[in-house]
Amino acid sequence: MKTFILSILFIFPFAAIAQRTFKFSLINAETGKPMAKKWVTILKDKDRWINFVHSDSLGIVTFSTSNYDSTATYQAEIVNRWENSVQAGMFDITGIKNSQPVIKLTPAAYSMPYACGTRMYSGYQPKEPYSINELPHHIQVKVKSYLSSRVGKDFCKKLLLNGGQIVDIERLYAVNPSARSWESVPPIYSLCFMVWDRLKRSSSYNFILNLNQKGTLLGIVELPDIKHNSTKGKIMTMDDAKKIALANSFYDKYTKVNSCYYKKIDSIVWVFEQQEPGEGTRNLTKLLINAHTGAIVDRVTSKVEVMY
């Protein structure tokens, strides 16, 4: 019995050290008011994913970790991928225990939509670039060269870096050793760009530029050759594309819509998808609309297997 009691006494202090609750407030740097429903990624040592939480109605963020490491640092990263409408940034929350810190966020003038997919790395969180100036100089030079040679310097002014991922490959292997056995090395720089209309404050198209460590382009620049055909610099909005789809009896509340680069015709297209309801083998029909001319590019139907 004595041995059992002593064991409990030794175990509990260590268990208490391993548990910690973090609590901090998000406020508007301009008005001082709480910022509710802002999504925050919690990181350990700037690249280990811990949690994904949001502020409550009072702007307070609360989360607990059962594997607290007193030798590590902890950060709260706020990006606009989730349309937070604030200036993105990373904030240290390591030394906060008995007081509730305040993180002041500067509101963005407008919400910038994020439409690029992201890759998950099993615990490792790649760095998210907030501007092209955060990239190494030699990468900046190559990115600008790839884009300007494709669309010309004038159209380049409409391209805005809107997030993405920068992978520290050695750090990835340290955090996730199994990544060494992957069939291929992931892109070191996966940069999300959008075609941004500064007057309308809206994005008409998003694409990802993938590069390796040396800055070599992986794949293609998913943009038309606007440099040699300026007419393709005009990209119709989704609303205009919807009107064309409606005129062709191909739009309802269940229709999925996205845009992509269609290499076959060197154009951006709006893709409208309608799937036959029900389970089993169903028809999936796509209507492709040229985003530069409004012409119907194709209408194709394929079979898909649906399971609920």
C-alpha atoms as a PDB file:
ATOM      1  CA  MET A   1       0.000   0.000   0.000  1.00  0.00           C
ATOM      2  CA  LYS A   2       2.815   2.441   0.835  1.00  0.00           C
ATOM      3  CA  THR A   3       4.468   1.733  -2.492  1.00  0.00           C
ATOM      4  CA  PHE A   4       1.196   2.456  -4.287  1.00  0.00           C
ATOM      5  CA  ILE A   5       0.696   5.799  -2.498  1.00  0.00           C
ATOM      6  CA  LEU A   6       4.261   6.899  -3.214  1.00  0.00           C
ATOM      7  CA  SER A   7       3.793   6.053  -6.884  1.00  0.00           C
ATOM      8  CA  ILE A   8       0.759   8.336  -7.085  1.00  0.00           C
ATOM      9  CA  LEU A   9       2.661  11.171  -5.422  1.00  0.00           C
ATOM     10  CA  PHE A  10       5.474  10.897  -7.945  1.00  0.00           C
ATOM     11  CA  ILE A  11       3.220  10.593 -10.989  1.00  0.00           C
ATOM     12  CA  PHE A  12       0.859  13.491 -10.347  1.00  0.00           C
ATOM     13  CA  PRO A  13       3.428  16.324 -10.248  1.00  0.00           C
ATOM     14  CA  PHE A  14       4.755  15.283 -13.661  1.00  0.00           C
ATOM     15  CA  ALA A  15       1.223  15.004 -15.061  1.00  0.00           C
ATOM     16  CA  ALA A  16       0.476  18.546 -13.891  1.00  0.00           C
ATOM     17  CA  ILE A  17       3.546  19.894 -15.674  1.00  0.00           C
ATOM     18  CA  ALA A  18       2.482  18.250 -18.945  1.00  0.00           C
ATOM     19  CA  GLN A  19      -0.918  19.988 -18.970  1.00  0.00           C
ATOM     20  CA  ARG A  20      -1.338  23.662 -19.753  1.00  0.00           C
ATOM     21  CA  THR A  21      -4.189  25.924 -20.790  1.00  0.00           C
ATOM     22  CA  PHE A  22      -3.467  28.986 -22.918  1.00  0.00           C
ATOM     23  CA  LYS A  23      -5.767  31.985 -22.963  1.00  0.00           C
ATOM     24  CA  PHE A  24      -5.370  35.273 -24.809  1.00  0.00           C
ATOM     25  CA  SER A  25      -7.473  38.051 -26.321  1.00  0.00           C
ATOM     26  CA  LEU A  26      -7.691  39.402 -29.846  1.00  0.00           C
ATOM     27  CA  ILE A  27      -8.576  43.069 -30.133  1.00  0.00           C
ATOM     28  CA  ASN A  28      -8.872  45.567 -32.953  1.00  0.00           C
ATOM     29  CA  ALA A  29      -5.692  47.670 -32.900  1.00  0.00           C
ATOM     30  CA  GLU A  30      -7.615  50.680 -34.217  1.00  0.00           C
ATOM     31  CA  THR A  31     -10.777  50.607 -32.100  1.00  0.00           C
ATOM     32  CA  GLY A  32      -9.756  48.524 -29.088  1.00  0.00           C
ATOM     33  CA  LYS A  33     -12.841  46.329 -29.514  1.00  0.00           C
ATOM     34  CA  PRO A  34     -12.766  42.508 -29.278  1.00  0.00           C
ATOM     35  CA  MET A  35     -12.337  40.607 -32.540  1.00  0.00           C
ATOM     36  CA  ALA A  36     -14.700  37.634 -32.514  1.00  0.00           C
ATOM     37  CA  LYS A  37     -14.610  34.516 -34.698  1.00  0.00           C
ATOM     38  CA  LYS A  38     -11.036  34.955 -35.887  1.00  0.00           C
ATOM     39  CA  TRP A  39      -9.362  31.635 -36.688  1.00  0.00           C
ATOM     40  CA  VAL A  40      -5.967  30.964 -35.153  1.00  0.00           C
ATOM     41  CA  THR A  41      -3.418  28.198 -35.744  1.00  0.00           C
ATOM     42  CA  ILE A  42      -1.477  27.257 -32.606  1.00  0.00           C
ATOM     43  CA  LEU A  43       2.130  26.242 -33.275  1.00  0.00           C
ATOM     44  CA  LYS A  44       5.003  24.836 -31.248  1.00  0.00           C
ATOM     45  CA  ASP A  45       8.488  26.096 -32.144  1.00  0.00           C
ATOM     46  CA  LYS A  46       6.913  27.905 -35.120  1.00  0.00           C
ATOM     47  CA  ASP A  47       6.364  24.776 -37.215  1.00  0.00           C
ATOM     48  CA  ARG A  48       4.717  22.056 -35.127  1.00  0.00           C
ATOM     49  CA  TRP A  49       0.943  22.080 -35.512  1.00  0.00           C
ATOM     50  CA  ILE A  50      -0.841  21.949 -32.137  1.00  0.00           C
ATOM     51  CA  ASN A  51      -4.408  23.138 -32.613  1.00  0.00           C
ATOM     52  CA  PHE A  52      -6.801  25.185 -34.708  1.00  0.00           C
ATOM     53  CA  VAL A  53      -9.191  27.380 -32.725  1.00  0.00           C
ATOM     54  CA  HIS A  54     -11.152  30.619 -33.009  1.00  0.00           C
ATOM     55  CA  SER A  55     -11.914  33.534 -30.721  1.00  0.00           C
ATOM     56  CA  ASP A  56     -15.274  33.669 -28.953  1.00  0.00           C
ATOM     57  CA  SER A  57     -17.756  36.551 -28.927  1.00  0.00           C
ATOM     58  CA  LEU A  58     -15.481  38.471 -26.525  1.00  0.00           C
ATOM     59  CA  GLY A  59     -12.422  37.961 -28.693  1.00  0.00           C
ATOM     60  CA  ILE A  60     -10.937  35.409 -26.280  1.00  0.00           C
ATOM     61  CA  VAL A  61      -9.039  32.341 -27.483  1.00  0.00           C
ATOM     62  CA  THR A  62      -8.724  29.376 -25.115  1.00  0.00           C
ATOM     63  CA  PHE A  63      -7.078  26.018 -25.735  1.00  0.00           C
ATOM     64  CA  SER A  64      -5.332  23.303 -23.738  1.00  0.00           C
ATOM     65  CA  THR A  65      -2.467  20.973 -24.541  1.00  0.00           C
ATOM     66  CA  SER A  66      -1.790  17.753 -22.646  1.00  0.00           C
ATOM     67  CA  ASN A  67       1.779  17.573 -23.958  1.00  0.00           C
ATOM     68  CA  TYR A  68       3.078  20.936 -22.857  1.00  0.00           C
ATOM     69  CA  ASP A  69       6.841  21.294 -23.278  1.00  0.00           C
ATOM     70  CA  SER A  70       8.402  23.916 -21.012  1.00  0.00           C
ATOM     71  CA  THR A  71      11.534  24.008 -23.200  1.00  0.00           C
ATOM     72  CA  ALA A  72       9.594  24.890 -26.360  1.00  0.00           C
ATOM     73  CA  THR A  73       8.088  28.120 -27.645  1.00  0.00           C
ATOM     74  CA  TYR A  74       4.439  28.512 -28.641  1.00  0.00           C
ATOM     75  CA  GLN A  75       2.916  30.810 -31.238  1.00  0.00           C
ATOM     76  CA  ALA A  76      -0.487  31.944 -32.466  1.00  0.00           C
ATOM     77  CA  GLU A  77      -0.530  32.364 -36.246  1.00  0.00           C
ATOM     78  CA  ILE A  78      -3.320  34.288 -37.906  1.00  0.00           C
ATOM     79  CA  VAL A  79      -3.601  34.185 -41.682  1.00  0.00           C
ATOM     80  CA  ASN A  80      -6.251  35.249 -44.162  1.00  0.00           C
ATOM     81  CA  ARG A  81      -6.738  31.776 -45.594  1.00  0.00           C
ATOM     82  CA  TRP A  82      -9.944  31.634 -43.546  1.00  0.00           C
ATOM     83  CA  GLU A  83     -10.963  35.181 -44.528  1.00  0.00           C
ATOM     84  CA  ASN A  84     -10.033  36.644 -41.145  1.00  0.00           C
ATOM     85  CA  SER A  85      -9.860  40.107 -42.765  1.00  0.00           C
ATOM     86  CA  VAL A  86      -6.849  41.160 -40.691  1.00  0.00           C
ATOM     87  CA  GLN A  87      -3.197  41.732 -41.415  1.00  0.00           C
ATOM     88  CA  ALA A  88      -1.608  38.299 -41.094  1.00  0.00           C
ATOM     89  CA  GLY A  89       1.093  37.553 -38.572  1.00  0.00           C
ATOM     90  CA  MET A  90       2.615  35.206 -36.007  1.00  0.00           C
ATOM     91  CA  PHE A  91       2.546  36.084 -32.301  1.00  0.00           C
ATOM     92  CA  ASP A  92       4.495  34.496 -29.441  1.00  0.00           C
ATOM     93  CA  ILE A  93       2.378  33.222 -26.531  1.00  0.00           C
ATOM     94  CA  THR A  94       5.078  31.201 -24.739  1.00  0.00           C
ATOM     95  CA  GLY A  95       5.544  33.132 -21.532  1.00  0.00           C
ATOM     96  CA  ILE A  96       1.892  33.573 -20.699  1.00  0.00           C
ATOM     97  CA  LYS A  97       0.601  31.656 -17.701  1.00  0.00           C
ATOM     98  CA  ASN A  98      -0.996  33.747 -14.988  1.00  0.00           C
ATOM     99  CA  SER A  99      -2.080  36.712 -17.077  1.00  0.00           C
ATOM    100  CA  GLN A 100      -4.224  36.997 -20.176  1.00  0.00           C
ATOM    101  CA  PRO A 101      -2.188  38.584 -22.968  1.00  0.00           C
ATOM    102  CA  VAL A 102      -3.665  40.806 -25.612  1.00  0.00           C
ATOM    103  CA  ILE A 103      -2.844  40.460 -29.299  1.00  0.00           C
ATOM    104  CA  LYS A 104      -3.624  43.587 -31.290  1.00  0.00           C
ATOM    105  CA  LEU A 105      -4.691  42.906 -34.861  1.00  0.00           C
ATOM    106  CA  THR A 106      -4.856  45.522 -37.581  1.00  0.00           C
ATOM    107  CA  PRO A 107      -7.958  45.059 -39.753  1.00  0.00           C
ATOM    108  CA  ALA A 108      -7.377  44.526 -43.448  1.00  0.00           C
ATOM    109  CA  ALA A 109      -9.072  47.018 -45.743  1.00  0.00           C
ATOM    110  CA  TYR A 110     -10.928  44.099 -47.331  1.00  0.00           C
ATOM    111  CA  SER A 111     -11.161  40.347 -47.208  1.00  0.00           C
ATOM    112  CA  MET A 112      -8.841  38.467 -49.539  1.00  0.00           C
ATOM    113  CA  PRO A 113     -10.256  35.064 -50.460  1.00  0.00           C
ATOM    114  CA  TYR A 114      -7.923  32.065 -50.385  1.00  0.00           C
ATOM    115  CA  ALA A 115      -8.730  29.461 -52.995  1.00  0.00           C
ATOM    116  CA  CYS A 116      -5.524  27.419 -53.165  1.00  0.00           C
ATOM    117  CA  GLY A 117      -5.321  23.963 -51.679  1.00  0.00           C
ATOM    118  CA  THR A 118      -2.786  23.210 -48.950  1.00  0.00           C
ATOM    119  CA  ARG A 119      -0.879  20.033 -48.201  1.00  0.00           C
ATOM    120  CA  MET A 120      -0.897  18.518 -44.714  1.00  0.00           C
ATOM    121  CA  TYR A 121       2.381  17.189 -43.289  1.00  0.00           C
ATOM    122  CA  SER A 122       1.385  15.124 -40.222  1.00  0.00           C
ATOM    123  CA  GLY A 123       2.299  17.525 -37.437  1.00  0.00           C
ATOM    124  CA  TYR A 124       4.708  19.747 -39.354  1.00  0.00           C
ATOM    125  CA  GLN A 125       3.418  23.209 -40.264  1.00  0.00           C
ATOM    126  CA  PRO A 126       5.205  24.881 -43.210  1.00  0.00           C
ATOM    127  CA  LYS A 127       5.813  28.598 -43.058  1.00  0.00           C
ATOM    128  CA  GLU A 128       3.157  30.691 -44.782  1.00  0.00           C
ATOM    129  CA  PRO A 129       4.548  33.640 -46.769  1.00  0.00           C
ATOM    130  CA  TYR A 130       2.671  36.886 -46.226  1.00  0.00           C
ATOM    131  CA  SER A 131       4.406  38.740 -49.073  1.00  0.00           C
ATOM    132  CA  ILE A 132       6.840  37.992 -51.876  1.00  0.00           C
ATOM    133  CA  ASN A 133       9.497  39.948 -49.954  1.00  0.00           C
ATOM    134  CA  GLU A 134       9.663  37.105 -47.417  1.00  0.00           C
ATOM    135  CA  LEU A 135      11.096  34.773 -50.043  1.00  0.00           C
ATOM    136  CA  PRO A 136      14.877  34.437 -50.465  1.00  0.00           C
ATOM    137  CA  HIS A 137      16.177  36.955 -52.992  1.00  0.00           C
ATOM    138  CA  HIS A 138      17.112  34.354 -55.616  1.00  0.00           C
ATOM    139  CA  ILE A 139      13.605  32.863 -55.373  1.00  0.00           C
ATOM    140  CA  GLN A 140      12.019  36.299 -55.748  1.00  0.00           C
ATOM    141  CA  VAL A 141      14.039  36.878 -58.919  1.00  0.00           C
ATOM    142  CA  LYS A 142      13.020  33.546 -60.423  1.00  0.00           C
ATOM    143  CA  VAL A 143       9.344  33.906 -59.513  1.00  0.00           C
ATOM    144  CA  LYS A 144       9.166  37.351 -61.101  1.00  0.00           C
ATOM    145  CA  SER A 145      10.949  36.024 -64.189  1.00  0.00           C
ATOM    146  CA  TYR A 146       8.578  33.062 -64.593  1.00  0.00           C
ATOM    147  CA  LEU A 147       5.521  35.272 -64.271  1.00  0.00           C
ATOM    148  CA  SER A 148       6.645  38.204 -66.410  1.00  0.00           C
ATOM    149  CA  SER A 149       7.793  35.921 -69.237  1.00  0.00           C
ATOM    150  CA  ARG A 150       4.315  34.410 -69.250  1.00  0.00           C
ATOM    151  CA  VAL A 151       2.013  37.388 -68.782  1.00  0.00           C
ATOM    152  CA  GLY A 152       4.196  40.481 -69.253  1.00  0.00           C
ATOM    153  CA  LYS A 153       5.214  43.146 -66.751  1.00  0.00           C
ATOM    154  CA  ASP A 154       1.911  45.071 -66.861  1.00  0.00           C
ATOM    155  CA  PHE A 155      -0.266  42.069 -65.997  1.00  0.00           C
ATOM    156  CA  CYS A 156       2.245  41.042 -63.317  1.00  0.00           C
ATOM    157  CA  LYS A 157       1.092  44.078 -61.357  1.00  0.00           C
ATOM    158  CA  LYS A 158      -2.291  42.347 -60.947  1.00  0.00           C
ATOM    159  CA  LEU A 159      -0.750  39.218 -59.417  1.00  0.00           C
ATOM    160  CA  LEU A 160      -0.747  39.170 -55.644  1.00  0.00           C
ATOM    161  CA  LEU A 161       0.845  36.550 -53.408  1.00  0.00           C
ATOM    162  CA  ASN A 162      -1.897  35.370 -51.094  1.00  0.00           C
ATOM    163  CA  GLY A 163      -0.266  32.701 -48.951  1.00  0.00           C
ATOM    164  CA  GLY A 164       1.069  29.262 -49.676  1.00  0.00           C
ATOM    165  CA  GLN A 165       3.688  27.059 -48.038  1.00  0.00           C
ATOM    166  CA  ILE A 166       7.463  27.153 -47.587  1.00  0.00           C
ATOM    167  CA  VAL A 167       8.829  23.777 -46.512  1.00  0.00           C
ATOM    168  CA  ASP A 168      12.052  23.387 -44.530  1.00  0.00           C
ATOM    169  CA  ILE A 169      12.761  19.877 -45.786  1.00  0.00           C
ATOM    170  CA  GLU A 170      15.264  18.935 -43.054  1.00  0.00           C
ATOM    171  CA  ARG A 171      12.887  20.168 -40.382  1.00  0.00           C
ATOM    172  CA  LEU A 172      10.075  18.163 -41.987  1.00  0.00           C
ATOM    173  CA  TYR A 173      12.221  15.019 -41.818  1.00  0.00           C
ATOM    174  CA  ALA A 174      13.072  15.718 -38.168  1.00  0.00           C
ATOM    175  CA  VAL A 175       9.433  16.171 -37.196  1.00  0.00           C
ATOM    176  CA  ASN A 176       8.115  13.417 -39.460  1.00  0.00           C
ATOM    177  CA  PRO A 177      10.884  10.845 -40.215  1.00  0.00           C
ATOM    178  CA  SER A 178       8.537   8.772 -42.391  1.00  0.00           C
ATOM    179  CA  ALA A 179       8.572  11.631 -44.924  1.00  0.00           C
ATOM    180  CA  ARG A 180      12.026  10.437 -46.045  1.00  0.00           C
ATOM    181  CA  SER A 181      10.400   7.385 -47.602  1.00  0.00           C
ATOM    182  CA  TRP A 182       7.895   9.359 -49.678  1.00  0.00           C
ATOM    183  CA  GLU A 183       8.065   8.700 -53.409  1.00  0.00           C
ATOM    184  CA  SER A 184       8.900  12.319 -54.175  1.00  0.00           C
ATOM    185  CA  VAL A 185      10.172  15.414 -52.403  1.00  0.00           C
ATOM    186  CA  PRO A 186       7.368  17.956 -51.920  1.00  0.00           C
ATOM    187  CA  PRO A 187       7.706  21.427 -53.454  1.00  0.00           C
ATOM    188  CA  ILE A 188       9.826  23.632 -51.216  1.00  0.00           C
ATOM    189  CA  TYR A 189       7.926  26.714 -52.338  1.00  0.00           C
ATOM    190  CA  SER A 190       4.215  26.353 -53.053  1.00  0.00           C
ATOM    191  CA  LEU A 191       3.034  29.897 -53.697  1.00  0.00           C
ATOM    192  CA  CYS A 192      -0.610  30.892 -54.022  1.00  0.00           C
ATOM    193  CA  PHE A 193      -1.193  33.830 -56.354  1.00  0.00           C
ATOM    194  CA  MET A 194      -4.416  35.539 -57.284  1.00  0.00           C
ATOM    195  CA  VAL A 195      -5.361  37.868 -60.109  1.00  0.00           C
ATOM    196  CA  TRP A 196      -6.460  40.841 -58.046  1.00  0.00           C
ATOM    197  CA  ASP A 197      -8.632  43.744 -59.161  1.00  0.00           C
ATOM    198  CA  ARG A 198      -7.592  46.580 -56.852  1.00  0.00           C
ATOM    199  CA  LEU A 199     -10.537  48.782 -57.818  1.00  0.00           C
ATOM    200  CA  LYS A 200     -13.208  46.124 -57.304  1.00  0.00           C
ATOM    201  CA  ARG A 201     -11.208  44.523 -54.496  1.00  0.00           C
ATOM    202  CA  SER A 202     -11.926  41.077 -55.808  1.00  0.00           C
ATOM    203  CA  SER A 203     -10.051  38.087 -57.166  1.00  0.00           C
ATOM    204  CA  SER A 204     -10.914  36.628 -60.564  1.00  0.00           C
ATOM    205  CA  TYR A 205      -8.545  33.656 -60.541  1.00  0.00           C
ATOM    206  CA  ASN A 206      -6.110  31.789 -58.259  1.00  0.00           C
ATOM    207  CA  PHE A 207      -3.198  29.537 -59.112  1.00  0.00           C
ATOM    208  CA  ILE A 208      -0.240  27.852 -57.410  1.00  0.00           C
ATOM    209  CA  LEU A 209       3.381  28.213 -58.458  1.00  0.00           C
ATOM    210  CA  ASN A 210       5.539  25.280 -57.286  1.00  0.00           C
ATOM    211  CA  LEU A 211       9.340  25.464 -57.074  1.00  0.00           C
ATOM    212  CA  ASN A 212      12.131  23.321 -55.664  1.00  0.00           C
ATOM    213  CA  GLN A 213      14.933  24.459 -53.345  1.00  0.00           C
ATOM    214  CA  LYS A 214      16.926  26.026 -56.205  1.00  0.00           C
ATOM    215  CA  GLY A 215      13.898  27.820 -57.598  1.00  0.00           C
ATOM    216  CA  THR A 216      13.368  25.521 -60.559  1.00  0.00           C
ATOM    217  CA  LEU A 217       9.748  25.581 -61.691  1.00  0.00           C
ATOM    218  CA  LEU A 218       7.860  22.355 -61.024  1.00  0.00           C
ATOM    219  CA  GLY A 219       5.088  21.982 -63.580  1.00  0.00           C
ATOM    220  CA  ILE A 220       3.861  25.018 -65.500  1.00  0.00           C
ATOM    221  CA  VAL A 221       2.650  28.552 -64.867  1.00  0.00           C
ATOM    222  CA  GLU A 222      -1.106  28.049 -64.916  1.00  0.00           C
ATOM    223  CA  LEU A 223      -1.830  31.262 -66.786  1.00  0.00           C
ATOM    224  CA  PRO A 224      -2.434  31.952 -70.497  1.00  0.00           C
ATOM    225  CA  ASP A 225       0.298  33.492 -72.638  1.00  0.00           C
ATOM    226  CA  ILE A 226      -1.011  36.981 -71.961  1.00  0.00           C
ATOM    227  CA  LYS A 227       2.323  38.526 -72.889  1.00  0.00           C
ATOM    228  CA  HIS A 228       1.719  37.653 -76.545  1.00  0.00           C
ATOM    229  CA  ASN A 229      -2.095  37.771 -76.480  1.00  0.00           C
ATOM    230  CA  SER A 230      -3.352  40.646 -74.350  1.00  0.00           C
ATOM    231  CA  THR A 231      -7.027  39.731 -74.936  1.00  0.00           C
ATOM    232  CA  LYS A 232      -6.549  36.862 -72.498  1.00  0.00           C
ATOM    233  CA  GLY A 233      -5.763  39.371 -69.785  1.00  0.00           C
ATOM    234  CA  LYS A 234      -9.494  39.978 -69.468  1.00  0.00           C
ATOM    235  CA  ILE A 235     -11.073  37.420 -67.133  1.00  0.00           C
ATOM    236  CA  MET A 236     -14.825  37.415 -66.602  1.00  0.00           C
ATOM    237  CA  THR A 237     -16.219  37.198 -63.092  1.00  0.00           C
ATOM    238  CA  MET A 238     -18.000  34.186 -61.689  1.00  0.00           C
ATOM    239  CA  ASP A 239     -21.286  36.103 -61.752  1.00  0.00           C
ATOM    240  CA  ASP A 240     -20.929  36.762 -65.483  1.00  0.00           C
ATOM    241  CA  ALA A 241     -20.074  33.107 -66.074  1.00  0.00           C
ATOM    242  CA  LYS A 242     -23.174  32.077 -64.094  1.00  0.00           C
ATOM    243  CA  LYS A 243     -25.366  34.124 -66.441  1.00  0.00           C
ATOM    244  CA  ILE A 244     -23.971  32.175 -69.389  1.00  0.00           C
ATOM    245  CA  ALA A 245     -24.516  28.881 -67.579  1.00  0.00           C
ATOM    246  CA  LEU A 246     -28.114  29.894 -66.803  1.00  0.00           C
ATOM    247  CA  ALA A 247     -28.693  30.784 -70.453  1.00  0.00           C
ATOM    248  CA  ASN A 248     -27.591  27.241 -71.266  1.00  0.00           C
ATOM    249  CA  SER A 249     -29.882  25.741 -68.581  1.00  0.00           C
ATOM    250  CA  PHE A 250     -26.879  24.633 -66.573  1.00  0.00           C
ATOM    251  CA  TYR A 251     -27.052  26.256 -63.164  1.00  0.00           C
ATOM    252  CA  ASP A 252     -28.968  25.707 -59.925  1.00  0.00           C
ATOM    253  CA  LYS A 253     -28.197  25.838 -56.206  1.00  0.00           C
ATOM    254  CA  TYR A 254     -26.480  22.448 -56.331  1.00  0.00           C
ATOM    255  CA  THR A 255     -24.081  23.365 -59.137  1.00  0.00           C
ATOM    256  CA  LYS A 256     -20.405  23.499 -58.177  1.00  0.00           C
ATOM    257  CA  VAL A 257     -18.266  26.207 -59.754  1.00  0.00           C
ATOM    258  CA  ASN A 258     -14.510  26.676 -59.994  1.00  0.00           C
ATOM    259  CA  SER A 259     -11.948  28.069 -62.395  1.00  0.00           C
ATOM    260  CA  CYS A 260      -8.775  26.528 -63.789  1.00  0.00           C
ATOM    261  CA  TYR A 261      -6.223  26.831 -66.556  1.00  0.00           C
ATOM    262  CA  TYR A 262      -7.107  24.715 -69.594  1.00  0.00           C
ATOM    263  CA  LYS A 263      -3.833  24.015 -71.377  1.00  0.00           C
ATOM    264  CA  LYS A 264      -5.527  22.635 -74.506  1.00  0.00           C
ATOM    265  CA  ILE A 265      -6.772  26.101 -75.490  1.00  0.00           C
ATOM    266  CA  ASP A 266      -4.297  28.142 -73.408  1.00  0.00           C
ATOM    267  CA  SER A 267      -7.139  29.787 -71.515  1.00  0.00           C
ATOM    268  CA  ILE A 268      -8.714  30.080 -68.112  1.00  0.00           C
ATOM    269  CA  VAL A 269     -12.108  28.400 -67.997  1.00  0.00           C
ATOM    270  CA  TRP A 270     -15.012  28.459 -65.596  1.00  0.00           C
ATOM    271  CA  VAL A 271     -16.070  24.904 -64.802  1.00  0.00           C
ATOM    272  CA  PHE A 272     -19.681  24.202 -63.780  1.00  0.00           C
ATOM    273  CA  GLU A 273     -20.407  20.729 -62.389  1.00  0.00           C
ATOM    274  CA  GLN A 274     -23.754  18.993 -61.952  1.00  0.00           C
ATOM    275  CA  GLN A 275     -24.027  15.512 -60.507  1.00  0.00           C
ATOM    276  CA  GLU A 276     -27.024  13.237 -60.861  1.00  0.00           C
ATOM    277  CA  PRO A 277     -28.530  12.698 -57.371  1.00  0.00           C
ATOM    278  CA  GLY A 278     -28.521   9.345 -55.628  1.00  0.00           C
ATOM    279  CA  GLU A 279     -26.102   6.510 -54.889  1.00  0.00           C
ATOM    280  CA  GLY A 280     -24.265   4.091 -57.133  1.00  0.00           C
ATOM    281  CA  THR A 281     -23.083   4.906 -60.647  1.00  0.00           C
ATOM    282  CA  ARG A 282     -24.197   8.443 -61.448  1.00  0.00           C
ATOM    283  CA  ASN A 283     -23.646  10.951 -64.239  1.00  0.00           C
ATOM    284  CA  LEU A 284     -21.325  13.904 -63.624  1.00  0.00           C
ATOM    285  CA  THR A 285     -21.651  16.624 -66.259  1.00  0.00           C
ATOM    286  CA  LYS A 286     -19.289  19.560 -66.680  1.00  0.00           C
ATOM    287  CA  LEU A 287     -19.853  22.749 -68.635  1.00  0.00           C
ATOM    288  CA  LEU A 288     -16.657  24.621 -69.521  1.00  0.00           C
ATOM    289  CA  ILE A 289     -16.903  28.334 -70.316  1.00  0.00           C
ATOM    290  CA  ASN A 290     -14.001  30.328 -71.734  1.00  0.00           C
ATOM    291  CA  ALA A 291     -13.295  33.014 -69.116  1.00  0.00           C
ATOM    292  CA  HIS A 292     -11.947  35.417 -71.752  1.00  0.00           C
ATOM    293  CA  THR A 293     -14.621  35.196 -74.443  1.00  0.00           C
ATOM    294  CA  GLY A 294     -17.644  33.633 -72.744  1.00  0.00           C
ATOM    295  CA  ALA A 295     -17.787  30.894 -75.369  1.00  0.00           C
ATOM    296  CA  ILE A 296     -18.830  27.361 -74.433  1.00  0.00           C
ATOM    297  CA  VAL A 297     -15.645  25.294 -74.624  1.00  0.00           C
ATOM    298  CA  ASP A 298     -17.050  21.865 -73.897  1.00  0.00           C
ATOM    299  CA  ARG A 299     -19.816  19.918 -72.227  1.00  0.00           C
ATOM    300  CA  VAL A 300     -18.786  16.461 -71.062  1.00  0.00           C
ATOM    301  CA  THR A 301     -20.468  13.720 -69.050  1.00  0.00           C
ATOM    302  CA  SER A 302     -18.659  10.978 -67.152  1.00  0.00           C
ATOM    303  CA  LYS A 303     -19.612   8.221 -64.722  1.00  0.00           C
ATOM    304  CA  VAL A 304     -18.820   8.464 -61.007  1.00  0.00           C
ATOM    305  CA  GLU A 305     -19.418   6.111 -58.100  1.00  0.00           C
ATOM    306  CA  VAL A 306     -21.343   7.679 -55.217  1.00  0.00           C
ATOM    307  CA  MET A 307     -21.492   6.143 -51.739  1.00  0.00           C
ATOM    308  CA  TYR A 308     -23.109   7.530 -48.607  1.00  0.00           C
END
